[in-house]
C-alpha atoms as a PDB file:
ATOM      1  CA  UNK A   1      -7.188  43.653  48.079  1.00  0.00           C
ATOM      2  CA  UNK A   2     -10.958  43.662  48.754  1.00  0.00           C
ATOM      3  CA  UNK A   3     -13.027  41.216  46.728  1.00  0.00           C
ATOM      4  CA  UNK A   4     -15.525  42.865  44.349  1.00  0.00           C
ATOM      5  CA  UNK A   5     -19.057  42.938  45.559  1.00  0.00           C
ATOM      6  CA  UNK A   6     -21.501  40.530  43.963  1.00  0.00           C
ATOM      7  CA  UNK A   7     -24.808  41.776  42.656  1.00  0.00           C
ATOM      8  CA  UNK A   8     -27.505  39.554  44.291  1.00  0.00           C
ATOM      9  CA  UNK A   9     -29.970  40.276  41.515  1.00  0.00           C
ATOM     10  CA  UNK A  10     -27.493  39.250  38.821  1.00  0.00           C
ATOM     11  CA  UNK A  11     -26.601  36.047  40.707  1.00  0.00           C
ATOM     12  CA  UNK A  12     -30.274  35.131  41.080  1.00  0.00           C
ATOM     13  CA  UNK A  13     -30.909  35.837  37.405  1.00  0.00           C
ATOM     14  CA  UNK A  14     -27.968  33.647  36.282  1.00  0.00           C
ATOM     15  CA  UNK A  15     -29.099  30.832  38.611  1.00  0.00           C
ATOM     16  CA  UNK A  16     -32.597  30.906  37.184  1.00  0.00           C
ATOM     17  CA  UNK A  17     -31.175  30.864  33.641  1.00  0.00           C
ATOM     18  CA  UNK A  18     -29.044  27.774  34.245  1.00  0.00           C
ATOM     19  CA  UNK A  19     -31.850  25.977  36.054  1.00  0.00           C
ATOM     20  CA  UNK A  20     -34.181  26.667  33.174  1.00  0.00           C
ATOM     21  CA  UNK A  21     -31.932  25.791  30.253  1.00  0.00           C
ATOM     22  CA  UNK A  22     -29.361  23.307  31.590  1.00  0.00           C
ATOM     23  CA  UNK A  23     -31.551  20.214  31.055  1.00  0.00           C
ATOM     24  CA  UNK A  24     -32.187  21.235  27.457  1.00  0.00           C
ATOM     25  CA  UNK A  25     -28.468  21.705  26.799  1.00  0.00           C
ATOM     26  CA  UNK A  26     -27.704  18.247  28.174  1.00  0.00           C
ATOM     27  CA  UNK A  27     -30.452  16.691  26.080  1.00  0.00           C
ATOM     28  CA  UNK A  28     -29.074  18.335  22.948  1.00  0.00           C
ATOM     29  CA  UNK A  29     -25.553  17.083  23.731  1.00  0.00           C
ATOM     30  CA  UNK A  30     -26.806  13.529  24.197  1.00  0.00           C
ATOM     31  CA  UNK A  31     -28.729  13.737  20.944  1.00  0.00           C
ATOM     32  CA  UNK A  32     -25.651  15.014  19.101  1.00  0.00           C
ATOM     33  CA  UNK A  33     -23.542  12.217  20.557  1.00  0.00           C
ATOM     34  CA  UNK A  34     -26.133   9.649  19.498  1.00  0.00           C
ATOM     35  CA  UNK A  35     -26.157  11.043  15.957  1.00  0.00           C
ATOM     36  CA  UNK A  36     -22.341  11.069  15.807  1.00  0.00           C
ATOM     37  CA  UNK A  37     -22.149   7.446  16.942  1.00  0.00           C
ATOM     38  CA  UNK A  38     -24.738   6.443  14.374  1.00  0.00           C
ATOM     39  CA  UNK A  39     -22.822   8.275  11.626  1.00  0.00           C
ATOM     40  CA  UNK A  40     -19.563   6.613  12.649  1.00  0.00           C
ATOM     41  CA  UNK A  41     -21.185   3.182  12.591  1.00  0.00           C
ATOM     42  CA  UNK A  42     -22.694   3.899   9.179  1.00  0.00           C
ATOM     43  CA  UNK A  43     -19.313   5.078   7.867  1.00  0.00           C
ATOM     44  CA  UNK A  44     -17.618   1.962   9.245  1.00  0.00           C
ATOM     45  CA  UNK A  45     -20.133  -0.275   7.451  1.00  0.00           C
ATOM     46  CA  UNK A  46     -19.553   1.621   4.210  1.00  0.00           C
ATOM     47  CA  UNK A  47     -15.767   1.254   4.555  1.00  0.00           C
ATOM     48  CA  UNK A  48     -16.100  -2.481   5.208  1.00  0.00           C
ATOM     49  CA  UNK A  49     -18.161  -2.885   2.019  1.00  0.00           C
ATOM     50  CA  UNK A  50     -15.400  -1.420  -0.189  1.00  0.00           C
ATOM     51  CA  UNK A  51     -13.863  -4.123  -2.386  1.00  0.00           C
ATOM     52  CA  UNK A  52     -10.359  -4.369  -3.792  1.00  0.00           C
ATOM     53  CA  UNK A  53     -11.519  -3.602  -7.370  1.00  0.00           C
ATOM     54  CA  UNK A  54     -13.192  -0.458  -5.992  1.00  0.00           C
ATOM     55  CA  UNK A  55      -9.914   0.655  -4.409  1.00  0.00           C
ATOM     56  CA  UNK A  56      -7.951   0.035  -7.619  1.00  0.00           C
ATOM     57  CA  UNK A  57     -10.591   1.869  -9.657  1.00  0.00           C
ATOM     58  CA  UNK A  58     -10.360   4.875  -7.337  1.00  0.00           C
ATOM     59  CA  UNK A  59      -6.562   4.889  -7.599  1.00  0.00           C
ATOM     60  CA  UNK A  60      -6.760   4.999 -11.391  1.00  0.00           C
ATOM     61  CA  UNK A  61      -9.183   7.952 -11.489  1.00  0.00           C
ATOM     62  CA  UNK A  62      -6.436  10.658 -11.573  1.00  0.00           C
ATOM     63  CA  UNK A  63      -4.915   9.170 -14.761  1.00  0.00           C
ATOM     64  CA  UNK A  64      -5.199  11.591 -17.678  1.00  0.00           C
ATOM     65  CA  UNK A  65      -5.857   9.413 -20.732  1.00  0.00           C
ATOM     66  CA  UNK A  66      -5.329  12.369 -23.045  1.00  0.00           C
ATOM     67  CA  UNK A  67      -1.644  12.522 -22.124  1.00  0.00           C
ATOM     68  CA  UNK A  68       0.819   9.635 -22.414  1.00  0.00           C
ATOM     69  CA  UNK A  69       4.275   8.703 -21.220  1.00  0.00           C
ATOM     70  CA  UNK A  70       6.034   6.714 -23.923  1.00  0.00           C
ATOM     71  CA  UNK A  71       8.036   3.570 -23.183  1.00  0.00           C
ATOM     72  CA  UNK A  72      10.228   1.933 -25.805  1.00  0.00           C
ATOM     73  CA  UNK A  73      10.941  -1.525 -24.389  1.00  0.00           C
ATOM     74  CA  UNK A  74      13.357  -4.129 -25.673  1.00  0.00           C
ATOM     75  CA  UNK A  75      12.187  -7.641 -24.884  1.00  0.00           C
ATOM     76  CA  UNK A  76      15.835  -8.568 -24.305  1.00  0.00           C
ATOM     77  CA  UNK A  77      16.132  -6.031 -21.455  1.00  0.00           C
ATOM     78  CA  UNK A  78      12.756  -5.157 -19.997  1.00  0.00           C
ATOM     79  CA  UNK A  79      14.186  -3.995 -16.668  1.00  0.00           C
ATOM     80  CA  UNK A  80      16.555  -1.357 -18.061  1.00  0.00           C
ATOM     81  CA  UNK A  81      13.885  -0.010 -20.387  1.00  0.00           C
ATOM     82  CA  UNK A  82      11.437   0.275 -17.514  1.00  0.00           C
ATOM     83  CA  UNK A  83      13.927   2.009 -15.204  1.00  0.00           C
ATOM     84  CA  UNK A  84      14.895   4.504 -17.920  1.00  0.00           C
ATOM     85  CA  UNK A  85      11.249   5.239 -18.618  1.00  0.00           C
ATOM     86  CA  UNK A  86      10.252   5.720 -14.982  1.00  0.00           C
ATOM     87  CA  UNK A  87      13.288   7.897 -14.227  1.00  0.00           C
ATOM     88  CA  UNK A  88      12.798  10.125 -17.259  1.00  0.00           C
ATOM     89  CA  UNK A  89      12.214  13.751 -16.089  1.00  0.00           C
ATOM     90  CA  UNK A  90       9.117  14.031 -18.289  1.00  0.00           C
ATOM     91  CA  UNK A  91       7.458  10.937 -16.808  1.00  0.00           C
ATOM     92  CA  UNK A  92       4.473  11.455 -14.523  1.00  0.00           C
ATOM     93  CA  UNK A  93       2.241   8.901 -12.815  1.00  0.00           C
ATOM     94  CA  UNK A  94      -0.864  10.890 -13.799  1.00  0.00           C
ATOM     95  CA  UNK A  95      -0.361  10.183 -17.507  1.00  0.00           C
ATOM     96  CA  UNK A  96      -1.441   7.113 -19.402  1.00  0.00           C
ATOM     97  CA  UNK A  97       1.300   4.768 -20.639  1.00  0.00           C
ATOM     98  CA  UNK A  98       2.083   4.046 -24.279  1.00  0.00           C
ATOM     99  CA  UNK A  99       4.327   0.989 -24.658  1.00  0.00           C
ATOM    100  CA  UNK A 100       6.092  -0.048 -27.855  1.00  0.00           C
ATOM    101  CA  UNK A 101       8.279  -3.122 -28.040  1.00  0.00           C
ATOM    102  CA  UNK A 102      11.439  -3.421 -30.113  1.00  0.00           C
ATOM    103  CA  UNK A 103      13.190  -6.573 -31.259  1.00  0.00           C
ATOM    104  CA  UNK A 104      16.889  -7.373 -30.882  1.00  0.00           C
ATOM    105  CA  UNK A 105      17.645  -5.143 -33.881  1.00  0.00           C
ATOM    106  CA  UNK A 106      15.826  -2.184 -32.236  1.00  0.00           C
ATOM    107  CA  UNK A 107      13.037  -2.384 -34.826  1.00  0.00           C
ATOM    108  CA  UNK A 108       9.632  -1.392 -33.483  1.00  0.00           C
ATOM    109  CA  UNK A 109       6.977  -4.076 -33.570  1.00  0.00           C
ATOM    110  CA  UNK A 110       3.827  -3.243 -35.481  1.00  0.00           C
ATOM    111  CA  UNK A 111       0.631  -2.575 -33.611  1.00  0.00           C
ATOM    112  CA  UNK A 112      -1.156   0.155 -31.686  1.00  0.00           C
ATOM    113  CA  UNK A 113      -1.157   0.036 -27.904  1.00  0.00           C
ATOM    114  CA  UNK A 114      -4.788  -0.302 -26.857  1.00  0.00           C
ATOM    115  CA  UNK A 115      -3.787  -1.874 -23.556  1.00  0.00           C
ATOM    116  CA  UNK A 116      -2.343  -5.219 -24.661  1.00  0.00           C
ATOM    117  CA  UNK A 117       1.329  -4.155 -24.968  1.00  0.00           C
ATOM    118  CA  UNK A 118       1.081  -2.283 -21.672  1.00  0.00           C
ATOM    119  CA  UNK A 119      -0.269  -5.362 -19.857  1.00  0.00           C
ATOM    120  CA  UNK A 120       2.393  -7.521 -21.512  1.00  0.00           C
ATOM    121  CA  UNK A 121       5.067  -5.050 -20.414  1.00  0.00           C
ATOM    122  CA  UNK A 122       3.949  -5.216 -16.774  1.00  0.00           C
ATOM    123  CA  UNK A 123       3.623  -9.017 -16.957  1.00  0.00           C
ATOM    124  CA  UNK A 124       7.227  -9.307 -18.159  1.00  0.00           C
ATOM    125  CA  UNK A 125       8.298  -6.763 -15.554  1.00  0.00           C
ATOM    126  CA  UNK A 126       6.694  -8.729 -12.681  1.00  0.00           C
ATOM    127  CA  UNK A 127       8.395 -11.924 -13.888  1.00  0.00           C
ATOM    128  CA  UNK A 128      11.736 -10.121 -13.922  1.00  0.00           C
ATOM    129  CA  UNK A 129      11.090  -8.514 -10.547  1.00  0.00           C
ATOM    130  CA  UNK A 130      10.441 -11.927  -9.004  1.00  0.00           C
ATOM    131  CA  UNK A 131      14.061 -12.909  -9.667  1.00  0.00           C
ATOM    132  CA  UNK A 132      15.545  -9.611  -8.472  1.00  0.00           C
ATOM    133  CA  UNK A 133      17.937  -9.987  -5.495  1.00  0.00           C
ATOM    134  CA  UNK A 134      15.735  -7.885  -3.187  1.00  0.00           C
ATOM    135  CA  UNK A 135      13.346 -10.847  -2.987  1.00  0.00           C
ATOM    136  CA  UNK A 136      14.035 -14.369  -1.786  1.00  0.00           C
ATOM    137  CA  UNK A 137      11.999 -17.478  -1.120  1.00  0.00           C
ATOM    138  CA  UNK A 138      10.114 -20.221  -2.891  1.00  0.00           C
ATOM    139  CA  UNK A 139       7.676 -19.589  -5.754  1.00  0.00           C
ATOM    140  CA  UNK A 140       4.628 -17.723  -4.512  1.00  0.00           C
ATOM    141  CA  UNK A 141       6.153 -17.294  -1.050  1.00  0.00           C
ATOM    142  CA  UNK A 142       8.876 -14.669  -1.396  1.00  0.00           C
ATOM    143  CA  UNK A 143       9.970 -12.094   1.165  1.00  0.00           C
ATOM    144  CA  UNK A 144      11.980  -8.888   1.044  1.00  0.00           C
ATOM    145  CA  UNK A 145      15.659  -9.359   1.855  1.00  0.00           C
ATOM    146  CA  UNK A 146      18.473  -6.893   2.410  1.00  0.00           C
ATOM    147  CA  UNK A 147      20.745  -6.087  -0.523  1.00  0.00           C
ATOM    148  CA  UNK A 148      23.365  -3.338  -0.124  1.00  0.00           C
ATOM    149  CA  UNK A 149      23.611  -2.589  -3.856  1.00  0.00           C
ATOM    150  CA  UNK A 150      19.837  -2.327  -4.129  1.00  0.00           C
ATOM    151  CA  UNK A 151      19.765   0.109  -1.211  1.00  0.00           C
ATOM    152  CA  UNK A 152      22.406   2.341  -2.808  1.00  0.00           C
ATOM    153  CA  UNK A 153      20.560   2.395  -6.131  1.00  0.00           C
ATOM    154  CA  UNK A 154      17.110   2.890  -4.547  1.00  0.00           C
ATOM    155  CA  UNK A 155      15.793  -0.326  -6.090  1.00  0.00           C
ATOM    156  CA  UNK A 156      13.384  -1.043  -3.238  1.00  0.00           C
ATOM    157  CA  UNK A 157      11.516   2.173  -4.003  1.00  0.00           C
ATOM    158  CA  UNK A 158      11.616   1.417  -7.729  1.00  0.00           C
ATOM    159  CA  UNK A 159      10.237  -2.086  -7.177  1.00  0.00           C
ATOM    160  CA  UNK A 160       7.368  -0.712  -5.096  1.00  0.00           C
ATOM    161  CA  UNK A 161       6.640   1.880  -7.763  1.00  0.00           C
ATOM    162  CA  UNK A 162       6.581  -0.759 -10.502  1.00  0.00           C
ATOM    163  CA  UNK A 163       4.189  -2.964  -8.534  1.00  0.00           C
ATOM    164  CA  UNK A 164       1.836  -0.055  -7.777  1.00  0.00           C
ATOM    165  CA  UNK A 165       1.801   1.132 -11.395  1.00  0.00           C
ATOM    166  CA  UNK A 166       1.199  -2.386 -12.667  1.00  0.00           C
ATOM    167  CA  UNK A 167      -1.885  -2.761 -10.479  1.00  0.00           C
ATOM    168  CA  UNK A 168      -3.258   0.706 -11.296  1.00  0.00           C
ATOM    169  CA  UNK A 169      -2.675   0.375 -15.066  1.00  0.00           C
ATOM    170  CA  UNK A 170      -4.342  -3.028 -15.379  1.00  0.00           C
ATOM    171  CA  UNK A 171      -1.292  -5.267 -15.141  1.00  0.00           C
ATOM    172  CA  UNK A 172      -0.748  -8.235 -12.805  1.00  0.00           C
ATOM    173  CA  UNK A 173      -0.058  -7.907  -9.107  1.00  0.00           C
ATOM    174  CA  UNK A 174       3.013  -9.292  -7.308  1.00  0.00           C
ATOM    175  CA  UNK A 175       1.702 -12.846  -7.078  1.00  0.00           C
ATOM    176  CA  UNK A 176       5.174 -14.066  -6.169  1.00  0.00           C
ATOM    177  CA  UNK A 177       5.059 -12.419  -2.731  1.00  0.00           C
ATOM    178  CA  UNK A 178       4.293 -14.305   0.458  1.00  0.00           C
ATOM    179  CA  UNK A 179       0.729 -13.896   1.691  1.00  0.00           C
ATOM    180  CA  UNK A 180       2.127 -13.132   5.157  1.00  0.00           C
ATOM    181  CA  UNK A 181       4.206 -10.285   3.737  1.00  0.00           C
ATOM    182  CA  UNK A 182       1.257  -8.867   1.789  1.00  0.00           C
ATOM    183  CA  UNK A 183      -0.997  -8.985   4.863  1.00  0.00           C
ATOM    184  CA  UNK A 184       1.684  -7.297   6.962  1.00  0.00           C
ATOM    185  CA  UNK A 185       2.185  -4.517   4.404  1.00  0.00           C
ATOM    186  CA  UNK A 186      -1.600  -4.093   4.286  1.00  0.00           C
ATOM    187  CA  UNK A 187      -1.643  -3.282   7.990  1.00  0.00           C
ATOM    188  CA  UNK A 188      -1.831  -6.529   9.949  1.00  0.00           C
ATOM    189  CA  UNK A 189       0.130  -5.799  13.149  1.00  0.00           C
ATOM    190  CA  UNK A 190       1.623  -9.280  13.548  1.00  0.00           C
ATOM    191  CA  UNK A 191       3.757 -11.296  11.155  1.00  0.00           C
ATOM    192  CA  UNK A 192       3.180 -15.017  10.886  1.00  0.00           C
ATOM    193  CA  UNK A 193       5.710 -17.279   9.241  1.00  0.00           C
ATOM    194  CA  UNK A 194       7.758 -20.423   9.857  1.00  0.00           C
ATOM    195  CA  UNK A 195      11.460 -21.194  10.074  1.00  0.00           C
ATOM    196  CA  UNK A 196      11.126 -23.329   6.956  1.00  0.00           C
ATOM    197  CA  UNK A 197      10.386 -20.188   4.920  1.00  0.00           C
ATOM    198  CA  UNK A 198      14.003 -19.019   5.450  1.00  0.00           C
ATOM    199  CA  UNK A 199      16.129 -19.940   2.451  1.00  0.00           C
ATOM    200  CA  UNK A 200      19.524 -19.263   4.051  1.00  0.00           C
ATOM    201  CA  UNK A 201      20.531 -22.731   5.224  1.00  0.00           C
ATOM    202  CA  UNK A 202      22.840 -21.609   8.054  1.00  0.00           C
ATOM    203  CA  UNK A 203      20.309 -19.169   9.531  1.00  0.00           C
ATOM    204  CA  UNK A 204      17.550 -21.750   9.222  1.00  0.00           C
ATOM    205  CA  UNK A 205      19.610 -24.374  11.063  1.00  0.00           C
ATOM    206  CA  UNK A 206      20.471 -21.940  13.876  1.00  0.00           C
ATOM    207  CA  UNK A 207      16.822 -21.009  14.345  1.00  0.00           C
ATOM    208  CA  UNK A 208      15.709 -24.627  14.208  1.00  0.00           C
ATOM    209  CA  UNK A 209      18.265 -25.519  16.902  1.00  0.00           C
ATOM    210  CA  UNK A 210      17.087 -22.649  19.099  1.00  0.00           C
ATOM    211  CA  UNK A 211      13.488 -23.753  18.637  1.00  0.00           C
ATOM    212  CA  UNK A 212      14.452 -27.324  19.620  1.00  0.00           C
ATOM    213  CA  UNK A 213      16.254 -26.139  22.758  1.00  0.00           C
ATOM    214  CA  UNK A 214      13.306 -23.944  23.692  1.00  0.00           C
ATOM    215  CA  UNK A 215      10.950 -26.906  23.409  1.00  0.00           C
ATOM    216  CA  UNK A 216      13.241 -29.008  25.608  1.00  0.00           C
ATOM    217  CA  UNK A 217      13.460 -26.222  28.182  1.00  0.00           C
ATOM    218  CA  UNK A 218       9.655 -25.980  28.356  1.00  0.00           C
ATOM    219  CA  UNK A 219       9.373 -29.706  29.146  1.00  0.00           C
ATOM    220  CA  UNK A 220      11.296 -29.304  32.428  1.00  0.00           C
END
């Protein structure tokens, strides 16, 4: 098939157009790139200046304080009361929480919840959560461990939900967790710990023996 003929006048016109405007296009692109880089740097500085209280405050913004989810909590069984309340079909995270405590005789304690009972509820809940079998380790240095029953009953998800709600609603954080675990969950790519942090005596001894043999091997 014959190639279509090219119009010399059109080719000359297009060449003149590109010669005339190409430098301007390149200059505009470079200027746009410079502006984008500057905006990205400015955004990065703003993100670095965000504090933890700012993050928590932003997380609590969607809470509708005109609507409440009611929790009737027995001090003798805080965990069961919390699980029932969070699993109730009418519960929603976007509502405020109204907590009322009952004594052993199921009699409601007097007092209006202006935040104190709610904070006390989450404080008791964090203390109970610390001793739950999904965590193991020394005080203030606990890690997540595998528990088959907890997996079947979705207790890992429930524990995470309780911790998040406690922080957002003004309660305490999980101060019993290891700092290494917290940093890892927050996005640090590596995990730093020691063999001594392992509470299972048999596993700890095996790892310590392997570490000893590795050190001996490196000396040769």
